[in-house]
Amino acid sequence: MRPIQQLVVCGLESRSFLNCYNFLTHQIFSSLAEAEAEAQTRNKHTHTHTHTHTMKLAEALRLRKEYTTNLNQLRTRISSNCIVQEGDTPAEDPNQLVLEYLSMSQRLTAIIVNINHTNGIHKFIFDNSSSSSVSNKGSKKAKKVLITMNEALAEREKLKRNIQALGTTAANGVVLVRYGSRSEIKQISCVLVPEYTKKKDILSKELRMLDLAIQEQNWLALVVEVARGNEDNGEEEEEEEEETLAAVQKT
């Protein structure tokens, strides 16, 4: 029943007009409060778990480096101002510096979380025509593969390790010619130096190509910021973890 109709009914029932007015006013404000609460609930349920931030991934990486450097400097400044001689005052308030450190540390954590999240979901096509194993999704014959940034970063670290190991092994396997007496014991190499050197050169080329692709994607990818305080998603993740754990226990 509409408020006007209720007002008429109140009049027909010979009730006090003031009482009817107060009653209807209370109902109207109650209805508005309920509608606002429902709208907030709908917004909460329709809120996505992540949203795209306008910051480029390269900018986030720069901020991560800047925050890390600033935190190291703050630690030095805090240590330098913790104790002074009686009657002297520190050049800087160490307690204020600690607060600044904790605040910046929190910002650094948020940046790292967003970078890691973005690296896990951002995908790009990489041409691995000269690569031996950029992704397990394709064979050596594949020329282009779709990989995430995390896969690319892991592959880059693997290439660096392999290049260093091959280079060190090849260098240690080279027999240096020494001019001495004929009775000197002859040394021979147990290492496939030419093969390792050739393989090292191939991997170095792959590393350069992959590194260029990563740098390019850093300026193309937008940071995907992880939403905070989403209780519904947290409950869903807990339920999924419980189901996974139960399935593992059954097996």
Protein backbone atom coordinates (compact mmCIF):
# COMPACT_ATOMS: atom_id res chain seq x y z
CA MET A 1 0.00 0.00 0.00
CA ARG A 2 1.32 3.44 -0.96
CA PRO A 3 1.96 6.09 1.72
CA ILE A 4 -0.89 8.30 0.47
CA GLN A 5 -3.30 5.37 0.57
CA GLN A 6 -2.13 4.52 4.07
CA LEU A 7 -2.70 8.13 5.08
CA VAL A 8 -6.30 7.97 3.80
CA VAL A 9 -6.91 4.71 5.62
CA CYS A 10 -5.57 6.25 8.79
CA GLY A 11 -8.00 9.13 8.35
CA LEU A 12 -10.91 6.76 7.71
CA GLU A 13 -10.11 4.83 10.84
CA SER A 14 -10.28 8.16 12.78
CA ARG A 15 -6.68 7.94 13.93
CA SER A 16 -4.66 10.94 14.83
CA PHE A 17 -3.20 12.62 11.74
CA LEU A 18 0.10 13.22 13.55
CA ASN A 19 0.40 9.57 14.48
CA CYS A 20 -0.25 8.58 10.87
CA TYR A 21 2.32 11.06 9.63
CA ASN A 22 4.98 9.76 12.03
CA PHE A 23 4.15 6.18 11.13
CA LEU A 24 4.46 6.79 7.38
CA THR A 25 7.68 8.84 7.77
CA HIS A 26 9.26 5.99 9.71
CA GLN A 27 8.22 3.53 7.00
CA ILE A 28 9.62 5.68 4.21
CA PHE A 29 13.03 6.09 5.87
CA SER A 30 13.10 2.40 6.72
CA SER A 31 12.43 1.53 3.09
CA LEU A 32 15.20 3.86 1.92
CA ALA A 33 17.67 2.33 4.39
CA GLU A 34 16.76 -1.18 3.24
CA ALA A 35 17.17 -0.19 -0.42
CA GLU A 36 20.58 1.31 0.29
CA ALA A 37 21.66 -1.81 2.17
CA GLU A 38 20.51 -4.03 -0.70
CA ALA A 39 22.42 -1.88 -3.20
CA GLN A 40 25.60 -2.16 -1.13
CA THR A 41 25.13 -5.93 -0.92
CA ARG A 42 24.71 -6.18 -4.69
CA ASN A 43 27.82 -4.09 -5.26
CA LYS A 44 29.77 -6.33 -2.90
CA HIS A 45 28.68 -9.51 -4.68
CA THR A 46 29.28 -8.08 -8.14
CA HIS A 47 32.69 -6.68 -7.19
CA THR A 48 35.33 -8.59 -9.11
CA HIS A 49 38.28 -10.15 -7.37
CA THR A 50 40.78 -8.09 -9.34
CA HIS A 51 40.70 -4.91 -11.32
CA THR A 52 43.07 -3.46 -13.81
CA HIS A 53 45.30 -0.66 -12.63
CA THR A 54 46.57 2.00 -14.97
CA MET A 55 50.19 1.47 -13.91
CA LYS A 56 52.49 -0.31 -16.34
CA LEU A 57 54.37 -3.35 -15.11
CA ALA A 58 57.68 -1.58 -15.82
CA GLU A 59 56.62 1.28 -13.52
CA ALA A 60 55.73 -1.18 -10.76
CA LEU A 61 59.15 -2.80 -11.11
CA ARG A 62 60.78 0.62 -10.84
CA LEU A 63 58.77 1.37 -7.70
CA ARG A 64 59.77 -1.98 -6.19
CA LYS A 65 63.43 -1.16 -6.72
CA GLU A 66 62.97 2.38 -5.38
CA TYR A 67 61.12 1.19 -2.25
CA THR A 68 63.78 -1.46 -1.60
CA THR A 69 66.56 1.12 -1.85
CA ASN A 70 64.70 3.56 0.41
CA LEU A 71 64.09 0.87 3.02
CA ASN A 72 67.80 0.03 3.12
CA GLN A 73 68.59 3.71 3.59
CA LEU A 74 65.97 4.03 6.34
CA ARG A 75 67.49 1.11 8.23
CA THR A 76 70.86 2.88 8.18
CA ARG A 77 69.31 6.15 9.36
CA ILE A 78 67.44 4.42 12.16
CA SER A 79 70.57 2.67 13.39
CA SER A 80 72.53 5.94 13.32
CA ASN A 81 70.02 7.76 15.54
CA CYS A 82 69.09 5.13 18.11
CA ILE A 83 71.56 6.25 20.81
CA VAL A 84 73.09 9.65 21.51
CA GLN A 85 75.07 11.12 24.38
CA GLU A 86 73.16 12.55 27.31
CA GLY A 87 72.11 16.12 26.59
CA ASP A 88 72.34 15.69 22.82
CA THR A 89 69.48 15.16 20.43
CA PRO A 90 69.51 12.81 17.44
CA ALA A 91 69.73 14.28 13.99
CA GLU A 92 66.48 12.49 13.17
CA ASP A 93 63.75 11.02 15.34
CA PRO A 94 64.26 7.24 15.12
CA ASN A 95 60.69 6.55 16.20
CA GLN A 96 59.37 8.63 13.33
CA LEU A 97 61.75 6.85 10.97
CA VAL A 98 60.44 3.48 12.16
CA LEU A 99 56.88 4.56 11.35
CA GLU A 100 58.04 5.70 7.92
CA TYR A 101 59.83 2.38 7.43
CA LEU A 102 56.76 0.32 8.33
CA SER A 103 54.54 2.36 6.03
CA MET A 104 56.91 2.02 3.10
CA SER A 105 57.37 -1.67 3.83
CA GLN A 106 53.60 -2.13 3.53
CA ARG A 107 53.58 -0.31 0.19
CA LEU A 108 56.44 -2.49 -1.02
CA THR A 109 54.50 -5.61 -0.04
CA ALA A 110 51.46 -4.45 -1.99
CA ILE A 111 53.60 -3.72 -5.05
CA ILE A 112 55.25 -7.15 -4.88
CA VAL A 113 51.90 -8.91 -4.53
CA ASN A 114 50.50 -7.05 -7.54
CA ILE A 115 53.62 -7.72 -9.63
CA ASN A 116 53.56 -11.44 -8.83
CA HIS A 117 49.84 -11.63 -9.54
CA THR A 118 50.25 -9.83 -12.86
CA ASN A 119 53.16 -12.05 -13.87
CA GLY A 120 51.01 -15.10 -13.20
CA ILE A 121 48.11 -14.08 -15.44
CA HIS A 122 49.74 -11.96 -18.16
CA LYS A 123 50.37 -14.05 -21.27
CA PHE A 124 52.16 -13.23 -24.48
CA ILE A 125 53.33 -15.01 -27.62
CA PHE A 126 57.04 -15.71 -27.78
CA ASP A 127 58.86 -16.84 -30.91
CA ASN A 128 61.06 -19.76 -29.85
CA SER A 129 62.10 -20.89 -33.30
CA SER A 130 65.72 -21.03 -32.16
CA SER A 131 64.96 -22.14 -28.63
CA SER A 132 65.36 -25.67 -27.33
CA SER A 133 62.81 -25.56 -24.51
CA VAL A 134 61.03 -22.33 -23.69
CA SER A 135 57.77 -24.01 -22.76
CA ASN A 136 56.60 -27.52 -22.18
CA LYS A 137 53.45 -26.70 -24.08
CA GLY A 138 55.17 -27.17 -27.40
CA SER A 139 57.97 -29.14 -28.97
CA LYS A 140 61.21 -27.97 -30.48
CA LYS A 141 59.45 -27.64 -33.81
CA ALA A 142 57.08 -25.00 -32.44
CA LYS A 143 58.00 -21.49 -33.50
CA LYS A 144 55.56 -19.53 -31.35
CA VAL A 145 54.29 -20.40 -27.88
CA LEU A 146 51.86 -18.73 -25.50
CA ILE A 147 53.52 -18.33 -22.12
CA THR A 148 52.91 -16.36 -18.94
CA MET A 149 55.35 -13.80 -17.64
CA ASN A 150 56.19 -16.13 -14.75
CA GLU A 151 57.14 -18.88 -17.21
CA ALA A 152 59.28 -16.43 -19.16
CA LEU A 153 61.06 -15.23 -16.01
CA ALA A 154 61.70 -18.80 -14.87
CA GLU A 155 63.02 -19.69 -18.32
CA ARG A 156 65.33 -16.67 -18.27
CA GLU A 157 66.81 -17.72 -14.93
CA LYS A 158 67.29 -21.26 -16.25
CA LEU A 159 69.12 -19.96 -19.31
CA LYS A 160 71.41 -17.86 -17.12
CA ARG A 161 72.24 -20.87 -14.96
CA ASN A 162 72.94 -23.11 -17.93
CA ILE A 163 75.05 -20.51 -19.70
CA GLN A 164 77.17 -20.01 -16.59
CA ALA A 165 77.59 -23.77 -16.05
CA LEU A 166 78.54 -24.44 -19.68
CA GLY A 167 80.92 -21.51 -19.81
CA THR A 168 82.65 -22.47 -16.58
CA THR A 169 82.94 -26.12 -17.60
CA ALA A 170 84.31 -25.27 -21.04
CA ALA A 171 86.83 -22.85 -19.56
CA ASN A 172 88.02 -25.40 -16.99
CA GLY A 173 88.32 -28.05 -19.70
CA VAL A 174 90.84 -26.12 -21.74
CA VAL A 175 94.32 -27.60 -21.38
CA LEU A 176 96.95 -24.94 -21.09
CA VAL A 177 100.14 -25.72 -23.01
CA ARG A 178 103.08 -25.63 -20.71
CA TYR A 179 106.69 -25.82 -21.80
CA GLY A 180 108.64 -27.98 -19.40
CA SER A 181 110.70 -31.11 -19.26
CA ARG A 182 109.77 -34.21 -21.24
CA SER A 183 109.20 -36.07 -18.01
CA GLU A 184 106.29 -33.83 -17.10
CA ILE A 185 102.96 -35.68 -17.00
CA LYS A 186 100.76 -34.77 -19.93
CA GLN A 187 97.29 -33.42 -19.19
CA ILE A 188 94.22 -34.17 -21.29
CA SER A 189 90.76 -32.63 -21.25
CA CYS A 190 87.76 -34.70 -20.22
CA VAL A 191 85.31 -32.02 -21.33
CA LEU A 192 83.59 -31.56 -24.69
CA VAL A 193 84.84 -28.00 -24.95
CA PRO A 194 83.75 -27.25 -28.55
CA GLU A 195 80.25 -28.64 -28.00
CA TYR A 196 79.77 -26.80 -24.72
CA THR A 197 81.04 -23.57 -26.23
CA LYS A 198 78.67 -23.88 -29.17
CA LYS A 199 75.76 -24.70 -26.87
CA LYS A 200 76.62 -21.73 -24.69
CA ASP A 201 76.50 -19.41 -27.71
CA ILE A 202 73.09 -20.78 -28.74
CA LEU A 203 71.67 -20.33 -25.24
CA SER A 204 73.12 -16.82 -25.06
CA LYS A 205 71.20 -15.91 -28.21
CA GLU A 206 68.00 -17.38 -26.75
CA LEU A 207 68.56 -15.39 -23.57
CA ARG A 208 68.91 -12.13 -25.49
CA MET A 209 65.71 -12.81 -27.44
CA LEU A 210 63.76 -13.77 -24.34
CA ASP A 211 65.04 -10.81 -22.35
CA LEU A 212 63.99 -8.41 -25.11
CA ALA A 213 60.52 -9.97 -25.16
CA ILE A 214 60.22 -9.62 -21.37
CA GLN A 215 61.31 -5.98 -21.44
CA GLU A 216 58.78 -5.27 -24.19
CA GLN A 217 55.96 -6.91 -22.21
CA ASN A 218 56.90 -4.92 -19.11
CA TRP A 219 55.89 -1.76 -20.99
CA LEU A 220 52.80 -3.34 -22.55
CA ALA A 221 51.30 -5.11 -19.54
CA LEU A 222 49.09 -3.24 -17.08
CA VAL A 223 49.39 -4.09 -13.40
CA VAL A 224 46.45 -6.12 -12.16
CA GLU A 225 45.88 -5.10 -8.57
CA VAL A 226 44.68 -7.77 -6.14
CA ALA A 227 41.49 -6.71 -4.37
CA ARG A 228 41.60 -6.53 -0.58
CA GLY A 229 38.93 -7.50 1.95
CA ASN A 230 36.82 -9.69 -0.28
CA GLU A 231 35.35 -12.12 2.23
CA ASP A 232 33.24 -14.03 -0.28
CA ASN A 233 36.26 -14.91 -2.41
CA GLY A 234 38.17 -15.87 0.71
CA GLU A 235 35.43 -18.32 1.71
CA GLU A 236 35.35 -19.78 -1.79
CA GLU A 237 39.12 -20.28 -1.76
CA GLU A 238 38.91 -21.99 1.64
CA GLU A 239 36.19 -24.31 0.34
CA GLU A 240 38.29 -25.16 -2.72
CA GLU A 241 41.30 -25.88 -0.51
CA GLU A 242 39.19 -28.17 1.70
CA GLU A 243 37.83 -30.03 -1.33
CA THR A 244 41.34 -30.44 -2.75
CA LEU A 245 42.65 -31.70 0.58
CA ALA A 246 39.78 -34.18 0.87
CA ALA A 247 40.44 -35.46 -2.64
CA VAL A 248 44.15 -35.93 -1.87
CA GLN A 249 43.36 -37.82 1.31
CA LYS A 250 41.02 -40.17 -0.56
CA THR A 251 43.76 -41.03 -3.04
